[in-house]
Amino acid sequence: MPLLCKDCNGRRFPIAFPDQRDALWLCENCKNFVNIKDEFVREWTEEEIKENKSKLENFQKDVTTEKTPEIKRRSGVN
């Protein structure tokens, strides 16, 4: 499994591509993809980087930052 990058020794993250029916491993430092055999496949394009940033921003907007109410137990119940 290509968990660590050979060039920068950084962490790679799996990203699924349904059209290719395969997951490619992305090194965000080197900006490249490798397959499961640790062979270089392609570079990370600027369009994909922008799309990824917009998805992250939308996700951060949708996540609530409110605290959940505390659960209070009834006293005197066994």
N, C-alpha and C. Protein backbone atom coordinates (compact mmCIF):
# COMPACT_ATOMS: atom_id res chain seq x y z
N MET A 1 0.84 -1.17 0.00
CA MET A 1 0.00 0.00 0.00
C MET A 1 0.89 1.24 0.00
N PRO A 2 0.67 2.17 -0.90
CA PRO A 2 1.53 3.35 -1.03
C PRO A 2 1.16 4.44 -0.02
N LEU A 3 1.37 4.18 1.24
CA LEU A 3 0.96 5.12 2.29
C LEU A 3 1.90 6.32 2.39
N LEU A 4 3.19 6.11 2.18
CA LEU A 4 4.16 7.20 2.28
C LEU A 4 4.78 7.50 0.91
N CYS A 5 5.00 8.77 0.66
CA CYS A 5 5.58 9.21 -0.60
C CYS A 5 7.08 8.91 -0.62
N LYS A 6 7.56 8.43 -1.76
CA LYS A 6 8.99 8.13 -1.89
C LYS A 6 9.83 9.41 -1.99
N ASP A 7 9.27 10.46 -2.56
CA ASP A 7 10.03 11.69 -2.78
C ASP A 7 10.18 12.52 -1.50
N CYS A 8 9.05 12.80 -0.86
CA CYS A 8 9.10 13.70 0.30
C CYS A 8 8.87 12.98 1.63
N ASN A 9 8.58 11.69 1.58
CA ASN A 9 8.30 10.88 2.77
C ASN A 9 7.07 11.39 3.52
N GLY A 10 6.17 12.06 2.80
CA GLY A 10 4.94 12.57 3.39
C GLY A 10 3.81 11.55 3.28
N ARG A 11 2.71 11.83 3.94
CA ARG A 11 1.55 10.94 3.97
C ARG A 11 0.75 11.10 2.70
N ARG A 12 0.32 9.97 2.12
CA ARG A 12 -0.57 9.99 0.95
C ARG A 12 -1.99 9.65 1.40
N PHE A 13 -2.96 10.18 0.66
CA PHE A 13 -4.36 9.96 0.98
C PHE A 13 -5.07 9.31 -0.19
N PRO A 14 -5.88 8.28 0.06
CA PRO A 14 -6.59 7.62 -1.05
C PRO A 14 -7.78 8.48 -1.51
N ILE A 15 -7.92 8.59 -2.81
CA ILE A 15 -9.04 9.32 -3.40
C ILE A 15 -9.66 8.40 -4.45
N ALA A 16 -10.96 8.20 -4.33
CA ALA A 16 -11.66 7.29 -5.24
C ALA A 16 -12.10 8.04 -6.49
N PHE A 17 -11.92 7.39 -7.63
CA PHE A 17 -12.38 7.90 -8.91
C PHE A 17 -13.33 6.87 -9.50
N PRO A 18 -14.65 7.12 -9.43
CA PRO A 18 -15.62 6.12 -9.89
C PRO A 18 -15.51 5.81 -11.38
N ASP A 19 -15.12 6.79 -12.19
CA ASP A 19 -15.02 6.53 -13.63
C ASP A 19 -13.86 5.58 -13.95
N GLN A 20 -12.81 5.59 -13.15
CA GLN A 20 -11.70 4.68 -13.36
C GLN A 20 -11.86 3.38 -12.58
N ARG A 21 -12.85 3.36 -11.68
CA ARG A 21 -13.12 2.21 -10.82
C ARG A 21 -11.90 1.81 -10.02
N ASP A 22 -11.21 2.83 -9.54
CA ASP A 22 -9.99 2.59 -8.80
C ASP A 22 -9.75 3.77 -7.86
N ALA A 23 -8.95 3.54 -6.84
CA ALA A 23 -8.55 4.61 -5.94
C ALA A 23 -7.09 4.95 -6.21
N LEU A 24 -6.82 6.24 -6.34
CA LEU A 24 -5.46 6.70 -6.52
C LEU A 24 -5.01 7.37 -5.23
N TRP A 25 -3.73 7.31 -4.96
CA TRP A 25 -3.16 7.86 -3.73
C TRP A 25 -2.52 9.20 -4.04
N LEU A 26 -2.93 10.24 -3.31
CA LEU A 26 -2.49 11.61 -3.55
C LEU A 26 -1.49 12.05 -2.50
N CYS A 27 -0.35 12.56 -2.95
CA CYS A 27 0.60 13.23 -2.06
C CYS A 27 0.37 14.72 -2.24
N GLU A 28 -0.10 15.40 -1.19
CA GLU A 28 -0.42 16.82 -1.31
C GLU A 28 0.83 17.68 -1.39
N ASN A 29 1.96 17.19 -0.90
CA ASN A 29 3.20 17.97 -0.99
C ASN A 29 3.76 17.95 -2.41
N CYS A 30 3.86 16.77 -3.00
CA CYS A 30 4.41 16.63 -4.36
C CYS A 30 3.37 16.87 -5.43
N LYS A 31 2.08 16.84 -5.06
CA LYS A 31 0.96 17.05 -5.98
C LYS A 31 0.94 16.03 -7.11
N ASN A 32 1.03 14.75 -6.75
CA ASN A 32 0.94 13.71 -7.76
C ASN A 32 0.14 12.52 -7.23
N PHE A 33 -0.34 11.71 -8.18
CA PHE A 33 -1.11 10.52 -7.86
C PHE A 33 -0.29 9.28 -8.20
N VAL A 34 -0.42 8.24 -7.38
CA VAL A 34 0.16 6.94 -7.68
C VAL A 34 -0.93 5.89 -7.53
N ASN A 35 -0.73 4.74 -8.18
CA ASN A 35 -1.70 3.66 -8.06
C ASN A 35 -1.30 2.75 -6.90
N ILE A 36 -2.01 1.64 -6.75
CA ILE A 36 -1.79 0.74 -5.63
C ILE A 36 -0.42 0.06 -5.70
N LYS A 37 0.16 0.01 -6.89
CA LYS A 37 1.49 -0.59 -7.06
C LYS A 37 2.61 0.43 -6.87
N ASP A 38 2.26 1.62 -6.42
CA ASP A 38 3.20 2.70 -6.17
C ASP A 38 3.87 3.19 -7.45
N GLU A 39 3.13 3.17 -8.54
CA GLU A 39 3.62 3.67 -9.82
C GLU A 39 2.99 5.04 -10.08
N PHE A 40 3.79 5.98 -10.53
CA PHE A 40 3.30 7.33 -10.83
C PHE A 40 2.23 7.26 -11.92
N VAL A 41 1.10 7.94 -11.67
CA VAL A 41 0.00 7.93 -12.64
C VAL A 41 -0.12 9.29 -13.34
N ARG A 42 -0.28 10.35 -12.53
CA ARG A 42 -0.45 11.68 -13.12
C ARG A 42 -0.29 12.75 -12.05
N GLU A 43 -0.25 14.01 -12.50
CA GLU A 43 -0.14 15.16 -11.60
C GLU A 43 -1.53 15.58 -11.12
N TRP A 44 -1.57 16.31 -10.03
CA TRP A 44 -2.80 16.88 -9.49
C TRP A 44 -3.04 18.20 -10.19
N THR A 45 -4.11 18.31 -10.98
CA THR A 45 -4.35 19.50 -11.80
C THR A 45 -4.88 20.66 -10.96
N GLU A 46 -4.71 21.87 -11.47
CA GLU A 46 -5.20 23.07 -10.79
C GLU A 46 -6.73 23.04 -10.64
N GLU A 47 -7.41 22.50 -11.63
CA GLU A 47 -8.87 22.40 -11.57
C GLU A 47 -9.30 21.50 -10.41
N GLU A 48 -8.61 20.39 -10.22
CA GLU A 48 -8.92 19.49 -9.12
C GLU A 48 -8.62 20.13 -7.77
N ILE A 49 -7.56 20.92 -7.71
CA ILE A 49 -7.21 21.61 -6.46
C ILE A 49 -8.30 22.61 -6.09
N LYS A 50 -8.77 23.39 -7.07
CA LYS A 50 -9.84 24.37 -6.82
C LYS A 50 -11.13 23.68 -6.41
N GLU A 51 -11.46 22.57 -7.08
CA GLU A 51 -12.66 21.82 -6.74
C GLU A 51 -12.58 21.27 -5.32
N ASN A 52 -11.43 20.78 -4.95
CA ASN A 52 -11.23 20.23 -3.61
C ASN A 52 -11.38 21.32 -2.55
N LYS A 53 -10.82 22.51 -2.81
CA LYS A 53 -10.93 23.62 -1.87
C LYS A 53 -12.37 24.08 -1.71
N SER A 54 -13.12 24.13 -2.82
CA SER A 54 -14.52 24.55 -2.74
C SER A 54 -15.36 23.53 -1.97
N LYS A 55 -15.08 22.24 -2.15
CA LYS A 55 -15.80 21.21 -1.39
C LYS A 55 -15.50 21.34 0.10
N LEU A 56 -14.26 21.63 0.43
CA LEU A 56 -13.88 21.79 1.84
C LEU A 56 -14.57 23.00 2.45
N GLU A 57 -14.62 24.11 1.72
CA GLU A 57 -15.28 25.31 2.23
C GLU A 57 -16.78 25.06 2.43
N ASN A 58 -17.43 24.38 1.49
CA ASN A 58 -18.85 24.06 1.64
C ASN A 58 -19.09 23.15 2.83
N PHE A 59 -18.20 22.20 3.04
CA PHE A 59 -18.33 21.29 4.17
C PHE A 59 -18.19 22.06 5.49
N GLN A 60 -17.24 22.97 5.56
CA GLN A 60 -17.03 23.73 6.78
C GLN A 60 -18.20 24.66 7.07
N LYS A 61 -18.86 25.16 6.04
CA LYS A 61 -20.04 26.01 6.24
C LYS A 61 -21.22 25.20 6.78
N ASP A 62 -21.35 23.96 6.32
CA ASP A 62 -22.49 23.15 6.70
C ASP A 62 -22.36 22.50 8.07
N VAL A 63 -21.16 22.36 8.56
CA VAL A 63 -20.96 21.72 9.86
C VAL A 63 -21.35 22.70 10.96
N THR A 64 -22.14 22.23 11.89
CA THR A 64 -22.58 23.10 12.98
C THR A 64 -21.50 23.18 14.04
N THR A 65 -21.40 24.34 14.64
CA THR A 65 -20.43 24.54 15.71
C THR A 65 -21.11 24.66 17.07
N GLU A 66 -22.43 24.42 17.11
CA GLU A 66 -23.16 24.52 18.37
C GLU A 66 -22.84 23.31 19.24
N LYS A 67 -22.86 23.57 20.54
CA LYS A 67 -22.64 22.47 21.47
C LYS A 67 -23.93 21.67 21.61
N THR A 68 -23.77 20.36 21.76
CA THR A 68 -24.94 19.52 21.95
C THR A 68 -25.37 19.62 23.41
N PRO A 69 -26.67 19.56 23.67
CA PRO A 69 -27.13 19.66 25.05
C PRO A 69 -26.67 18.45 25.87
N GLU A 70 -26.41 18.71 27.14
CA GLU A 70 -25.96 17.64 28.00
C GLU A 70 -27.15 16.75 28.36
N ILE A 71 -26.87 15.47 28.48
CA ILE A 71 -27.90 14.51 28.87
C ILE A 71 -27.93 14.47 30.40
N LYS A 72 -29.09 14.73 30.97
CA LYS A 72 -29.23 14.72 32.42
C LYS A 72 -29.90 13.42 32.85
N ARG A 73 -29.28 12.77 33.78
CA ARG A 73 -29.84 11.55 34.31
C ARG A 73 -30.83 11.87 35.42
N ARG A 74 -31.86 11.05 35.51
CA ARG A 74 -32.83 11.24 36.59
C ARG A 74 -32.24 10.72 37.88
N SER A 75 -32.41 11.47 38.93
CA SER A 75 -31.90 11.01 40.22
C SER A 75 -32.91 10.13 40.91
N GLY A 76 -32.43 9.18 41.68
CA GLY A 76 -33.31 8.29 42.43
C GLY A 76 -33.81 7.10 41.64
N VAL A 77 -33.32 6.89 40.42
CA VAL A 77 -33.75 5.76 39.62
C VAL A 77 -32.61 4.75 39.59
N ASN A 78 -32.93 3.48 39.89
CA ASN A 78 -31.89 2.45 39.89
C ASN A 78 -31.55 2.02 38.50
